[in-house]
Amino acid sequence: MPLTGDAKRAWDRAYRKARHPADKVARVEEYRRRREALIARMGGVCVFCRCSVVRCLEFDHDPPSTRTWSVKKTARLQRMRRYERDYVAGHLRLLCHSCNANAGHYRHVGEPEEERALAKMAEAASA
């Protein structure tokens, strides 16, 4: 009797994991290597607060309309390739998690408020 539903999904998952463990490890390592290389090329620090903790740094599109793809629906390596392409085009900046959350909030408020808030954040970081 063939497997169906949850049992089939569990069997498929176990089969793939047993068959290709090295592939997954290699892809994760390639993603990490490319991410760290791109962060280094971008200066390695948050644009606003100068935070340099690599695990806290995030890529931010500036302006947001330049990203035409969904981060959540894109595989890791494909996402890194797109980040690299957007960096070369000049549409990407490096922010720490908290500055990225604040910048995203101010984007929704409106342009003049965003510019004032971002300028205030930059002033505070340089002081």
PDB file of N, CA and C in Angstrom:
ATOM      1  N   MET A   1       0.841  -1.171   0.000  1.00  0.00           N
ATOM      2  CA  MET A   1       0.000   0.000   0.000  1.00  0.00           C
ATOM      3  C   MET A   1       0.895   1.246   0.000  1.00  0.00           C
ATOM      4  N   PRO A   2       0.685   2.150  -0.941  1.00  0.00           N
ATOM      5  CA  PRO A   2       1.535   3.340  -1.034  1.00  0.00           C
ATOM      6  C   PRO A   2       1.273   4.315   0.128  1.00  0.00           C
ATOM      7  N   LEU A   3       2.303   5.050   0.450  1.00  0.00           N
ATOM      8  CA  LEU A   3       2.190   6.062   1.508  1.00  0.00           C
ATOM      9  C   LEU A   3       1.425   7.278   0.992  1.00  0.00           C
ATOM     10  N   THR A   4       0.687   7.927   1.874  1.00  0.00           N
ATOM     11  CA  THR A   4      -0.041   9.132   1.483  1.00  0.00           C
ATOM     12  C   THR A   4       0.053  10.170   2.596  1.00  0.00           C
ATOM     13  N   GLY A   5      -0.214  11.410   2.261  1.00  0.00           N
ATOM     14  CA  GLY A   5      -0.313  12.484   3.242  1.00  0.00           C
ATOM     15  C   GLY A   5       0.950  12.705   4.050  1.00  0.00           C
ATOM     16  N   ASP A   6       0.772  12.811   5.356  1.00  0.00           N
ATOM     17  CA  ASP A   6       1.885  13.110   6.256  1.00  0.00           C
ATOM     18  C   ASP A   6       2.952  12.025   6.249  1.00  0.00           C
ATOM     19  N   ALA A   7       2.547  10.787   6.133  1.00  0.00           N
ATOM     20  CA  ALA A   7       3.509   9.686   6.125  1.00  0.00           C
ATOM     21  C   ALA A   7       4.430   9.788   4.911  1.00  0.00           C
ATOM     22  N   LYS A   8       3.874  10.127   3.753  1.00  0.00           N
ATOM     23  CA  LYS A   8       4.684  10.263   2.532  1.00  0.00           C
ATOM     24  C   LYS A   8       5.633  11.455   2.660  1.00  0.00           C
ATOM     25  N   ARG A   9       5.142  12.575   3.195  1.00  0.00           N
ATOM     26  CA  ARG A   9       6.003  13.741   3.369  1.00  0.00           C
ATOM     27  C   ARG A   9       7.152  13.437   4.328  1.00  0.00           C
ATOM     28  N   ALA A  10       6.866  12.730   5.404  1.00  0.00           N
ATOM     29  CA  ALA A  10       7.909  12.366   6.364  1.00  0.00           C
ATOM     30  C   ALA A  10       8.938  11.441   5.721  1.00  0.00           C
ATOM     31  N   TRP A  11       8.473  10.481   4.937  1.00  0.00           N
ATOM     32  CA  TRP A  11       9.390   9.559   4.258  1.00  0.00           C
ATOM     33  C   TRP A  11      10.244  10.322   3.256  1.00  0.00           C
ATOM     34  N   ASP A  12       9.633  11.210   2.464  1.00  0.00           N
ATOM     35  CA  ASP A  12      10.374  12.005   1.476  1.00  0.00           C
ATOM     36  C   ASP A  12      11.440  12.864   2.155  1.00  0.00           C
ATOM     37  N   ARG A  13      11.075  13.499   3.277  1.00  0.00           N
ATOM     38  CA  ARG A  13      12.014  14.355   3.999  1.00  0.00           C
ATOM     39  C   ARG A  13      13.200  13.534   4.497  1.00  0.00           C
ATOM     40  N   ALA A  14      12.926  12.369   5.092  1.00  0.00           N
ATOM     41  CA  ALA A  14      14.000  11.506   5.602  1.00  0.00           C
ATOM     42  C   ALA A  14      14.882  11.002   4.456  1.00  0.00           C
ATOM     43  N   TYR A  15      14.272  10.673   3.315  1.00  0.00           N
ATOM     44  CA  TYR A  15      15.029  10.190   2.162  1.00  0.00           C
ATOM     45  C   TYR A  15      15.970  11.283   1.648  1.00  0.00           C
ATOM     46  N   ARG A  16      15.445  12.498   1.491  1.00  0.00           N
ATOM     47  CA  ARG A  16      16.285  13.597   0.991  1.00  0.00           C
ATOM     48  C   ARG A  16      17.412  13.920   1.961  1.00  0.00           C
ATOM     49  N   LYS A  17      17.111  13.909   3.248  1.00  0.00           N
ATOM     50  CA  LYS A  17      18.113  14.224   4.254  1.00  0.00           C
ATOM     51  C   LYS A  17      19.223  13.170   4.264  1.00  0.00           C
ATOM     52  N   ALA A  18      18.848  11.917   4.149  1.00  0.00           N
ATOM     53  CA  ALA A  18      19.829  10.837   4.160  1.00  0.00           C
ATOM     54  C   ALA A  18      20.650  10.825   2.876  1.00  0.00           C
ATOM     55  N   ARG A  19      20.042  11.218   1.791  1.00  0.00           N
ATOM     56  CA  ARG A  19      20.709  11.113   0.499  1.00  0.00           C
ATOM     57  C   ARG A  19      21.614  12.304   0.199  1.00  0.00           C
ATOM     58  N   HIS A  20      21.247  13.509   0.640  1.00  0.00           N
ATOM     59  CA  HIS A  20      21.994  14.702   0.251  1.00  0.00           C
ATOM     60  C   HIS A  20      22.427  15.579   1.425  1.00  0.00           C
ATOM     61  N   PRO A  21      22.985  15.012   2.488  1.00  0.00           N
ATOM     62  CA  PRO A  21      23.373  15.882   3.605  1.00  0.00           C
ATOM     63  C   PRO A  21      24.528  16.814   3.251  1.00  0.00           C
ATOM     64  N   ALA A  22      25.469  16.349   2.448  1.00  0.00           N
ATOM     65  CA  ALA A  22      26.628  17.162   2.093  1.00  0.00           C
ATOM     66  C   ALA A  22      26.221  18.335   1.209  1.00  0.00           C
ATOM     67  N   ASP A  23      25.244  18.132   0.331  1.00  0.00           N
ATOM     68  CA  ASP A  23      24.776  19.212  -0.538  1.00  0.00           C
ATOM     69  C   ASP A  23      24.252  20.375   0.284  1.00  0.00           C
ATOM     70  N   LYS A  24      23.452  20.076   1.282  1.00  0.00           N
ATOM     71  CA  LYS A  24      22.861  21.132   2.095  1.00  0.00           C
ATOM     72  C   LYS A  24      23.942  21.888   2.858  1.00  0.00           C
ATOM     73  N   VAL A  25      24.878  21.166   3.433  1.00  0.00           N
ATOM     74  CA  VAL A  25      25.970  21.805   4.173  1.00  0.00           C
ATOM     75  C   VAL A  25      26.774  22.695   3.235  1.00  0.00           C
ATOM     76  N   ALA A  26      27.038  22.225   2.034  1.00  0.00           N
ATOM     77  CA  ALA A  26      27.801  23.016   1.064  1.00  0.00           C
ATOM     78  C   ALA A  26      27.044  24.282   0.667  1.00  0.00           C
ATOM     79  N   ARG A  27      25.732  24.176   0.483  1.00  0.00           N
ATOM     80  CA  ARG A  27      24.945  25.352   0.111  1.00  0.00           C
ATOM     81  C   ARG A  27      24.908  26.371   1.235  1.00  0.00           C
ATOM     82  N   VAL A  28      24.775  25.910   2.471  1.00  0.00           N
ATOM     83  CA  VAL A  28      24.758  26.826   3.610  1.00  0.00           C
ATOM     84  C   VAL A  28      26.109  27.518   3.750  1.00  0.00           C
ATOM     85  N   GLU A  29      27.199  26.772   3.579  1.00  0.00           N
ATOM     86  CA  GLU A  29      28.538  27.365   3.655  1.00  0.00           C
ATOM     87  C   GLU A  29      28.757  28.381   2.534  1.00  0.00           C
ATOM     88  N   GLU A  30      28.296  28.072   1.340  1.00  0.00           N
ATOM     89  CA  GLU A  30      28.413  29.008   0.213  1.00  0.00           C
ATOM     90  C   GLU A  30      27.631  30.285   0.495  1.00  0.00           C
ATOM     91  N   TYR A  31      26.422  30.145   1.052  1.00  0.00           N
ATOM     92  CA  TYR A  31      25.609  31.307   1.415  1.00  0.00           C
ATOM     93  C   TYR A  31      26.337  32.166   2.439  1.00  0.00           C
ATOM     94  N   ARG A  32      26.867  31.548   3.493  1.00  0.00           N
ATOM     95  CA  ARG A  32      27.568  32.301   4.537  1.00  0.00           C
ATOM     96  C   ARG A  32      28.797  33.005   3.984  1.00  0.00           C
ATOM     97  N   ARG A  33      29.541  32.298   3.136  1.00  0.00           N
ATOM     98  CA  ARG A  33      30.754  32.882   2.548  1.00  0.00           C
ATOM     99  C   ARG A  33      30.407  34.100   1.698  1.00  0.00           C
ATOM    100  N   ARG A  34      29.382  33.958   0.857  1.00  0.00           N
ATOM    101  CA  ARG A  34      28.989  35.071  -0.013  1.00  0.00           C
ATOM    102  C   ARG A  34      28.424  36.235   0.798  1.00  0.00           C
ATOM    103  N   ARG A  35      27.662  35.949   1.853  1.00  0.00           N
ATOM    104  CA  ARG A  35      27.092  37.000   2.693  1.00  0.00           C
ATOM    105  C   ARG A  35      28.205  37.786   3.384  1.00  0.00           C
ATOM    106  N   GLU A  36      29.172  37.070   3.972  1.00  0.00           N
ATOM    107  CA  GLU A  36      30.271  37.744   4.646  1.00  0.00           C
ATOM    108  C   GLU A  36      31.120  38.553   3.670  1.00  0.00           C
ATOM    109  N   ALA A  37      31.308  38.031   2.455  1.00  0.00           N
ATOM    110  CA  ALA A  37      32.079  38.762   1.447  1.00  0.00           C
ATOM    111  C   ALA A  37      31.354  40.045   1.033  1.00  0.00           C
ATOM    112  N   LEU A  38      30.042  39.969   0.857  1.00  0.00           N
ATOM    113  CA  LEU A  38      29.283  41.153   0.476  1.00  0.00           C
ATOM    114  C   LEU A  38      29.272  42.184   1.605  1.00  0.00           C
ATOM    115  N   ILE A  39      29.144  41.719   2.841  1.00  0.00           N
ATOM    116  CA  ILE A  39      29.188  42.636   3.977  1.00  0.00           C
ATOM    117  C   ILE A  39      30.548  43.333   4.030  1.00  0.00           C
ATOM    118  N   ALA A  40      31.617  42.589   3.793  1.00  0.00           N
ATOM    119  CA  ALA A  40      32.957  43.186   3.793  1.00  0.00           C
ATOM    120  C   ALA A  40      33.087  44.215   2.665  1.00  0.00           C
ATOM    121  N   ARG A  41      32.561  43.896   1.477  1.00  0.00           N
ATOM    122  CA  ARG A  41      32.617  44.847   0.360  1.00  0.00           C
ATOM    123  C   ARG A  41      31.840  46.117   0.652  1.00  0.00           C
ATOM    124  N   MET A  42      30.783  46.009   1.452  1.00  0.00           N
ATOM    125  CA  MET A  42      29.950  47.166   1.769  1.00  0.00           C
ATOM    126  C   MET A  42      30.488  47.967   2.958  1.00  0.00           C
ATOM    127  N   GLY A  43      31.595  47.552   3.522  1.00  0.00           N
ATOM    128  CA  GLY A  43      32.208  48.294   4.619  1.00  0.00           C
ATOM    129  C   GLY A  43      32.111  47.616   5.961  1.00  0.00           C
ATOM    130  N   GLY A  44      31.199  46.680   6.121  1.00  0.00           N
ATOM    131  CA  GLY A  44      31.116  45.894   7.344  1.00  0.00           C
ATOM    132  C   GLY A  44      30.509  46.581   8.548  1.00  0.00           C
ATOM    133  N   VAL A  45      29.914  47.772   8.361  1.00  0.00           N
ATOM    134  CA  VAL A  45      29.294  48.467   9.490  1.00  0.00           C
ATOM    135  C   VAL A  45      27.951  49.051   9.068  1.00  0.00           C
ATOM    136  N   CYS A  46      27.079  49.252  10.045  1.00  0.00           N
ATOM    137  CA  CYS A  46      25.772  49.867   9.811  1.00  0.00           C
ATOM    138  C   CYS A  46      25.973  51.300   9.339  1.00  0.00           C
ATOM    139  N   VAL A  47      25.203  51.711   8.352  1.00  0.00           N
ATOM    140  CA  VAL A  47      25.314  53.054   7.795  1.00  0.00           C
ATOM    141  C   VAL A  47      25.032  54.118   8.849  1.00  0.00           C
ATOM    142  N   PHE A  48      24.094  53.859   9.759  1.00  0.00           N
ATOM    143  CA  PHE A  48      23.690  54.864  10.733  1.00  0.00           C
ATOM    144  C   PHE A  48      24.459  54.791  12.039  1.00  0.00           C
ATOM    145  N   CYS A  49      24.452  53.637  12.706  1.00  0.00           N
ATOM    146  CA  CYS A  49      25.017  53.570  14.064  1.00  0.00           C
ATOM    147  C   CYS A  49      26.421  52.979  14.110  1.00  0.00           C
ATOM    148  N   ARG A  50      26.961  52.556  12.971  1.00  0.00           N
ATOM    149  CA  ARG A  50      28.309  52.003  12.867  1.00  0.00           C
ATOM    150  C   ARG A  50      28.479  50.681  13.616  1.00  0.00           C
ATOM    151  N   CYS A  51      27.398  49.962  13.850  1.00  0.00           N
ATOM    152  CA  CYS A  51      27.459  48.633  14.470  1.00  0.00           C
ATOM    153  C   CYS A  51      28.206  47.693  13.524  1.00  0.00           C
ATOM    154  N   SER A  52      29.106  46.872  14.061  1.00  0.00           N
ATOM    155  CA  SER A  52      29.890  45.992  13.202  1.00  0.00           C
ATOM    156  C   SER A  52      29.703  44.514  13.521  1.00  0.00           C
ATOM    157  N   VAL A  53      28.689  44.167  14.293  1.00  0.00           N
ATOM    158  CA  VAL A  53      28.420  42.766  14.621  1.00  0.00           C
ATOM    159  C   VAL A  53      27.779  42.120  13.388  1.00  0.00           C
ATOM    160  N   VAL A  54      28.499  41.200  12.761  1.00  0.00           N
ATOM    161  CA  VAL A  54      28.084  40.653  11.469  1.00  0.00           C
ATOM    162  C   VAL A  54      26.706  40.004  11.528  1.00  0.00           C
ATOM    163  N   ARG A  55      26.404  39.281  12.594  1.00  0.00           N
ATOM    164  CA  ARG A  55      25.120  38.591  12.639  1.00  0.00           C
ATOM    165  C   ARG A  55      23.937  39.550  12.792  1.00  0.00           C
ATOM    166  N   CYS A  56      24.196  40.795  13.212  1.00  0.00           N
ATOM    167  CA  CYS A  56      23.124  41.790  13.359  1.00  0.00           C
ATOM    168  C   CYS A  56      22.885  42.584  12.080  1.00  0.00           C
ATOM    169  N   LEU A  57      23.819  42.515  11.137  1.00  0.00           N
ATOM    170  CA  LEU A  57      23.718  43.336   9.929  1.00  0.00           C
ATOM    171  C   LEU A  57      22.732  42.745   8.929  1.00  0.00           C
ATOM    172  N   GLU A  58      21.986  43.633   8.286  1.00  0.00           N
ATOM    173  CA  GLU A  58      20.982  43.235   7.302  1.00  0.00           C
ATOM    174  C   GLU A  58      21.134  44.102   6.061  1.00  0.00           C
ATOM    175  N   PHE A  59      20.696  43.571   4.934  1.00  0.00           N
ATOM    176  CA  PHE A  59      20.717  44.323   3.689  1.00  0.00           C
ATOM    177  C   PHE A  59      19.395  45.061   3.542  1.00  0.00           C
ATOM    178  N   ASP A  60      19.473  46.328   3.158  1.00  0.00           N
ATOM    179  CA  ASP A  60      18.280  47.155   3.017  1.00  0.00           C
ATOM    180  C   ASP A  60      18.300  47.811   1.643  1.00  0.00           C
ATOM    181  N   HIS A  61      17.203  47.717   0.927  1.00  0.00           N
ATOM    182  CA  HIS A  61      17.093  48.361  -0.383  1.00  0.00           C
ATOM    183  C   HIS A  61      16.720  49.820  -0.205  1.00  0.00           C
ATOM    184  N   ASP A  62      17.437  50.688  -0.894  1.00  0.00           N
ATOM    185  CA  ASP A  62      17.186  52.118  -0.789  1.00  0.00           C
ATOM    186  C   ASP A  62      17.126  52.710  -2.189  1.00  0.00           C
ATOM    187  N   PRO A  63      16.013  53.133  -2.677  1.00  0.00           N
ATOM    188  CA  PRO A  63      14.671  53.094  -2.103  1.00  0.00           C
ATOM    189  C   PRO A  63      14.070  51.695  -2.184  1.00  0.00           C
ATOM    190  N   PRO A  64      13.083  51.402  -1.354  1.00  0.00           N
ATOM    191  CA  PRO A  64      12.512  50.047  -1.299  1.00  0.00           C
ATOM    192  C   PRO A  64      11.904  49.585  -2.619  1.00  0.00           C
ATOM    193  N   SER A  65      11.474  50.504  -3.449  1.00  0.00           N
ATOM    194  CA  SER A  65      10.837  50.123  -4.711  1.00  0.00           C
ATOM    195  C   SER A  65      11.815  49.477  -5.687  1.00  0.00           C
ATOM    196  N   THR A  66      13.133  49.537  -5.404  1.00  0.00           N
ATOM    197  CA  THR A  66      14.106  48.920  -6.307  1.00  0.00           C
ATOM    198  C   THR A  66      14.122  47.401  -6.176  1.00  0.00           C
ATOM    199  N   ARG A  67      13.588  46.866  -5.074  1.00  0.00           N
ATOM    200  CA  ARG A  67      13.516  45.402  -4.934  1.00  0.00           C
ATOM    201  C   ARG A  67      12.221  44.923  -5.566  1.00  0.00           C
ATOM    202  N   THR A  68      12.361  44.119  -6.594  1.00  0.00           N
ATOM    203  CA  THR A  68      11.193  43.632  -7.324  1.00  0.00           C
ATOM    204  C   THR A  68      10.909  42.168  -7.020  1.00  0.00           C
ATOM    205  N   TRP A  69      11.560  41.612  -6.023  1.00  0.00           N
ATOM    206  CA  TRP A  69      11.412  40.198  -5.687  1.00  0.00           C
ATOM    207  C   TRP A  69      11.105  40.057  -4.205  1.00  0.00           C
ATOM    208  N   SER A  70      10.552  38.914  -3.821  1.00  0.00           N
ATOM    209  CA  SER A  70      10.167  38.653  -2.437  1.00  0.00           C
ATOM    210  C   SER A  70      11.282  37.906  -1.711  1.00  0.00           C
ATOM    211  N   VAL A  71      11.737  38.461  -0.599  1.00  0.00           N
ATOM    212  CA  VAL A  71      12.811  37.838   0.178  1.00  0.00           C
ATOM    213  C   VAL A  71      12.373  36.480   0.714  1.00  0.00           C
ATOM    214  N   LYS A  72      11.153  36.406   1.231  1.00  0.00           N
ATOM    215  CA  LYS A  72      10.672  35.171   1.848  1.00  0.00           C
ATOM    216  C   LYS A  72      10.481  34.043   0.840  1.00  0.00           C
ATOM    217  N   LYS A  73      10.255  34.380  -0.423  1.00  0.00           N
ATOM    218  CA  LYS A  73       9.986  33.355  -1.422  1.00  0.00           C
ATOM    219  C   LYS A  73      11.211  33.016  -2.266  1.00  0.00           C
ATOM    220  N   THR A  74      12.384  33.475  -1.832  1.00  0.00           N
ATOM    221  CA  THR A  74      13.597  33.263  -2.608  1.00  0.00           C
ATOM    222  C   THR A  74      14.579  32.416  -1.805  1.00  0.00           C
ATOM    223  N   ALA A  75      15.167  31.422  -2.454  1.00  0.00           N
ATOM    224  CA  ALA A  75      16.142  30.550  -1.788  1.00  0.00           C
ATOM    225  C   ALA A  75      17.384  31.346  -1.393  1.00  0.00           C
ATOM    226  N   ARG A  76      18.132  30.812  -0.436  1.00  0.00           N
ATOM    227  CA  ARG A  76      19.287  31.519   0.114  1.00  0.00           C
ATOM    228  C   ARG A  76      20.293  31.998  -0.925  1.00  0.00           C
ATOM    229  N   LEU A  77      20.802  31.064  -1.726  1.00  0.00           N
ATOM    230  CA  LEU A  77      21.833  31.450  -2.697  1.00  0.00           C
ATOM    231  C   LEU A  77      21.287  32.394  -3.761  1.00  0.00           C
ATOM    232  N   GLN A  78      20.068  32.165  -4.200  1.00  0.00           N
ATOM    233  CA  GLN A  78      19.456  33.066  -5.173  1.00  0.00           C
ATOM    234  C   GLN A  78      19.297  34.464  -4.569  1.00  0.00           C
ATOM    235  N   ARG A  79      18.918  34.522  -3.290  1.00  0.00           N
ATOM    236  CA  ARG A  79      18.773  35.798  -2.601  1.00  0.00           C
ATOM    237  C   ARG A  79      20.122  36.526  -2.543  1.00  0.00           C
ATOM    238  N   MET A  80      21.216  35.797  -2.251  1.00  0.00           N
ATOM    239  CA  MET A  80      22.536  36.432  -2.208  1.00  0.00           C
ATOM    240  C   MET A  80      22.945  36.941  -3.577  1.00  0.00           C
ATOM    241  N   ARG A  81      22.644  36.184  -4.627  1.00  0.00           N
ATOM    242  CA  ARG A  81      22.963  36.652  -5.979  1.00  0.00           C
ATOM    243  C   ARG A  81      22.217  37.947  -6.289  1.00  0.00           C
ATOM    244  N   ARG A  82      20.971  38.013  -5.867  1.00  0.00           N
ATOM    245  CA  ARG A  82      20.183  39.224  -6.112  1.00  0.00           C
ATOM    246  C   ARG A  82      20.684  40.388  -5.262  1.00  0.00           C
ATOM    247  N   TYR A  83      21.085  40.135  -4.024  1.00  0.00           N
ATOM    248  CA  TYR A  83      21.672  41.187  -3.204  1.00  0.00           C
ATOM    249  C   TYR A  83      22.955  41.715  -3.856  1.00  0.00           C
ATOM    250  N   GLU A  84      23.793  40.810  -4.358  1.00  0.00           N
ATOM    251  CA  GLU A  84      25.033  41.228  -5.018  1.00  0.00           C
ATOM    252  C   GLU A  84      24.728  42.074  -6.248  1.00  0.00           C
ATOM    253  N   ARG A  85      23.747  41.668  -7.029  1.00  0.00           N
ATOM    254  CA  ARG A  85      23.350  42.428  -8.213  1.00  0.00           C
ATOM    255  C   ARG A  85      22.827  43.809  -7.822  1.00  0.00           C
ATOM    256  N   ASP A  86      22.014  43.876  -6.780  1.00  0.00           N
ATOM    257  CA  ASP A  86      21.459  45.152  -6.334  1.00  0.00           C
ATOM    258  C   ASP A  86      22.542  46.057  -5.746  1.00  0.00           C
ATOM    259  N   TYR A  87      23.554  45.472  -5.112  1.00  0.00           N
ATOM    260  CA  TYR A  87      24.663  46.266  -4.580  1.00  0.00           C
ATOM    261  C   TYR A  87      25.445  46.912  -5.717  1.00  0.00           C
ATOM    262  N   VAL A  88      25.715  46.142  -6.752  1.00  0.00           N
ATOM    263  CA  VAL A  88      26.438  46.677  -7.906  1.00  0.00           C
ATOM    264  C   VAL A  88      25.639  47.807  -8.557  1.00  0.00           C
ATOM    265  N   ALA A  89      24.316  47.674  -8.567  1.00  0.00           N
ATOM    266  CA  ALA A  89      23.455  48.708  -9.148  1.00  0.00           C
ATOM    267  C   ALA A  89      23.329  49.930  -8.239  1.00  0.00           C
ATOM    268  N   GLY A  90      23.785  49.827  -6.980  1.00  0.00           N
ATOM    269  CA  GLY A  90      23.751  50.951  -6.060  1.00  0.00           C
ATOM    270  C   GLY A  90      22.448  51.098  -5.293  1.00  0.00           C
ATOM    271  N   HIS A  91      21.674  50.014  -5.188  1.00  0.00           N
ATOM    272  CA  HIS A  91      20.379  50.075  -4.516  1.00  0.00           C
ATOM    273  C   HIS A  91      20.372  49.419  -3.142  1.00  0.00           C
ATOM    274  N   LEU A  92      21.536  49.086  -2.602  1.00  0.00           N
ATOM    275  CA  LEU A  92      21.586  48.329  -1.359  1.00  0.00           C
ATOM    276  C   LEU A  92      22.451  49.060  -0.341  1.00  0.00           C
ATOM    277  N   ARG A  93      22.011  49.046   0.920  1.00  0.00           N
ATOM    278  CA  ARG A  93      22.809  49.598   2.001  1.00  0.00           C
ATOM    279  C   ARG A  93      22.800  48.606   3.154  1.00  0.00           C
ATOM    280  N   LEU A  94      23.761  48.761   4.046  1.00  0.00           N
ATOM    281  CA  LEU A  94      23.933  47.839   5.162  1.00  0.00           C
ATOM    282  C   LEU A  94      23.453  48.513   6.441  1.00  0.00           C
ATOM    283  N   LEU A  95      22.483  47.889   7.121  1.00  0.00           N
ATOM    284  CA  LEU A  95      21.954  48.415   8.370  1.00  0.00           C
ATOM    285  C   LEU A  95      21.941  47.315   9.418  1.00  0.00           C
ATOM    286  N   CYS A  96      22.059  47.713  10.697  1.00  0.00           N
ATOM    287  CA  CYS A  96      21.882  46.731  11.763  1.00  0.00           C
ATOM    288  C   CYS A  96      20.374  46.487  11.906  1.00  0.00           C
ATOM    289  N   HIS A  97      20.015  45.485  12.670  1.00  0.00           N
ATOM    290  CA  HIS A  97      18.602  45.108  12.788  1.00  0.00           C
ATOM    291  C   HIS A  97      17.741  46.256  13.299  1.00  0.00           C
ATOM    292  N   SER A  98      18.191  46.949  14.362  1.00  0.00           N
ATOM    293  CA  SER A  98      17.353  48.010  14.939  1.00  0.00           C
ATOM    294  C   SER A  98      17.239  49.202  14.001  1.00  0.00           C
ATOM    295  N   CYS A  99      18.313  49.598  13.330  1.00  0.00           N
ATOM    296  CA  CYS A  99      18.218  50.718  12.384  1.00  0.00           C
ATOM    297  C   CYS A  99      17.351  50.343  11.186  1.00  0.00           C
ATOM    298  N   ASN A 100      17.434  49.104  10.744  1.00  0.00           N
ATOM    299  CA  ASN A 100      16.603  48.658   9.623  1.00  0.00           C
ATOM    300  C   ASN A 100      15.127  48.684  10.017  1.00  0.00           C
ATOM    301  N   ALA A 101      14.818  48.284  11.248  1.00  0.00           N
ATOM    302  CA  ALA A 101      13.424  48.327  11.709  1.00  0.00           C
ATOM    303  C   ALA A 101      12.935  49.765  11.790  1.00  0.00           C
ATOM    304  N   ASN A 102      13.766  50.676  12.290  1.00  0.00           N
ATOM    305  CA  ASN A 102      13.389  52.085  12.361  1.00  0.00           C
ATOM    306  C   ASN A 102      13.235  52.700  10.982  1.00  0.00           C
ATOM    307  N   ALA A 103      14.150  52.403  10.081  1.00  0.00           N
ATOM    308  CA  ALA A 103      14.079  52.949   8.727  1.00  0.00           C
ATOM    309  C   ALA A 103      12.812  52.463   8.037  1.00  0.00           C
ATOM    310  N   GLY A 104      12.451  51.198   8.230  1.00  0.00           N
ATOM    311  CA  GLY A 104      11.222  50.658   7.636  1.00  0.00           C
ATOM    312  C   GLY A 104       9.992  51.342   8.188  1.00  0.00           C
ATOM    313  N   HIS A 105      10.016  51.655   9.486  1.00  0.00           N
ATOM    314  CA  HIS A 105       8.884  52.351  10.095  1.00  0.00           C
ATOM    315  C   HIS A 105       8.731  53.739   9.482  1.00  0.00           C
ATOM    316  N   TYR A 106       9.838  54.462   9.341  1.00  0.00           N
ATOM    317  CA  TYR A 106       9.753  55.821   8.828  1.00  0.00           C
ATOM    318  C   TYR A 106       9.387  55.859   7.352  1.00  0.00           C
ATOM    319  N   ARG A 107       9.668  54.790   6.628  1.00  0.00           N
ATOM    320  CA  ARG A 107       9.275  54.739   5.217  1.00  0.00           C
ATOM    321  C   ARG A 107       7.764  54.805   5.073  1.00  0.00           C
ATOM    322  N   HIS A 108       7.062  54.148   5.996  1.00  0.00           N
ATOM    323  CA  HIS A 108       5.611  54.100   5.900  1.00  0.00           C
ATOM    324  C   HIS A 108       4.961  55.394   6.373  1.00  0.00           C
ATOM    325  N   VAL A 109       5.688  56.169   7.164  1.00  0.00           N
ATOM    326  CA  VAL A 109       5.138  57.417   7.687  1.00  0.00           C
ATOM    327  C   VAL A 109       5.082  58.471   6.588  1.00  0.00           C
ATOM    328  N   GLY A 110       6.106  58.565   5.791  1.00  0.00           N
ATOM    329  CA  GLY A 110       6.145  59.550   4.718  1.00  0.00           C
ATOM    330  C   GLY A 110       7.554  60.048   4.481  1.00  0.00           C
ATOM    331  N   GLU A 111       7.805  60.568   3.302  1.00  0.00           N
ATOM    332  CA  GLU A 111       9.145  60.974   2.908  1.00  0.00           C
ATOM    333  C   GLU A 111       9.765  62.063   3.795  1.00  0.00           C
ATOM    334  N   PRO A 112       9.122  63.221   4.040  1.00  0.00           N
ATOM    335  CA  PRO A 112       9.789  64.253   4.835  1.00  0.00           C
ATOM    336  C   PRO A 112      10.133  63.764   6.245  1.00  0.00           C
ATOM    337  N   GLU A 113       9.222  63.023   6.862  1.00  0.00           N
ATOM    338  CA  GLU A 113       9.487  62.505   8.198  1.00  0.00           C
ATOM    339  C   GLU A 113      10.634  61.512   8.170  1.00  0.00           C
ATOM    340  N   GLU A 114      10.671  60.695   7.127  1.00  0.00           N
ATOM    341  CA  GLU A 114      11.732  59.696   7.031  1.00  0.00           C
ATOM    342  C   GLU A 114      13.091  60.378   6.922  1.00  0.00           C
ATOM    343  N   GLU A 115      13.181  61.386   6.074  1.00  0.00           N
ATOM    344  CA  GLU A 115      14.465  62.060   5.896  1.00  0.00           C
ATOM    345  C   GLU A 115      14.923  62.720   7.191  1.00  0.00           C
ATOM    346  N   ARG A 116      14.013  63.359   7.912  1.00  0.00           N
ATOM    347  CA  ARG A 116      14.377  63.989   9.180  1.00  0.00           C
ATOM    348  C   ARG A 116      14.811  62.936  10.202  1.00  0.00           C
ATOM    349  N   ALA A 117      14.065  61.849  10.282  1.00  0.00           N
ATOM    350  CA  ALA A 117      14.391  60.800  11.252  1.00  0.00           C
ATOM    351  C   ALA A 117      15.727  60.138  10.915  1.00  0.00           C
ATOM    352  N   LEU A 118      15.963  59.855   9.639  1.00  0.00           N
ATOM    353  CA  LEU A 118      17.225  59.237   9.250  1.00  0.00           C
ATOM    354  C   LEU A 118      18.394  60.182   9.490  1.00  0.00           C
ATOM    355  N   ALA A 119      18.189  61.486   9.251  1.00  0.00           N
ATOM    356  CA  ALA A 119      19.246  62.455   9.521  1.00  0.00           C
ATOM    357  C   ALA A 119      19.531  62.515  11.019  1.00  0.00           C
ATOM    358  N   LYS A 120      18.477  62.451  11.833  1.00  0.00           N
ATOM    359  CA  LYS A 120      18.650  62.471  13.292  1.00  0.00           C
ATOM    360  C   LYS A 120      19.404  61.223  13.754  1.00  0.00           C
ATOM    361  N   MET A 121      19.084  60.064  13.161  1.00  0.00           N
ATOM    362  CA  MET A 121      19.781  58.827  13.518  1.00  0.00           C
ATOM    363  C   MET A 121      21.255  58.912  13.144  1.00  0.00           C
ATOM    364  N   ALA A 122      21.548  59.477  11.970  1.00  0.00           N
ATOM    365  CA  ALA A 122      22.927  59.606  11.516  1.00  0.00           C
ATOM    366  C   ALA A 122      23.698  60.568  12.425  1.00  0.00           C
ATOM    367  N   GLU A 123      23.038  61.668  12.840  1.00  0.00           N
ATOM    368  CA  GLU A 123      23.673  62.619  13.755  1.00  0.00           C
ATOM    369  C   GLU A 123      24.011  61.951  15.082  1.00  0.00           C
ATOM    370  N   ALA A 124      23.072  61.202  15.616  1.00  0.00           N
ATOM    371  CA  ALA A 124      23.279  60.533  16.897  1.00  0.00           C
ATOM    372  C   ALA A 124      24.413  59.521  16.804  1.00  0.00           C
ATOM    373  N   ALA A 125      24.506  58.856  15.661  1.00  0.00           N
ATOM    374  CA  ALA A 125      25.561  57.845  15.480  1.00  0.00           C
ATOM    375  C   ALA A 125      26.934  58.493  15.372  1.00  0.00           C
ATOM    376  N   SER A 126      27.012  59.670  14.750  1.00  0.00           N
ATOM    377  CA  SER A 126      28.311  60.323  14.573  1.00  0.00           C
ATOM    378  C   SER A 126      28.753  61.069  15.830  1.00  0.00           C
ATOM    379  N   ALA A 127      27.830  61.345  16.731  1.00  0.00           N
ATOM    380  CA  ALA A 127      28.185  62.095  17.951  1.00  0.00           C
ATOM    381  C   ALA A 127      28.811  61.237  19.007  1.00  0.00           C
TER     382      ALA A 127
END
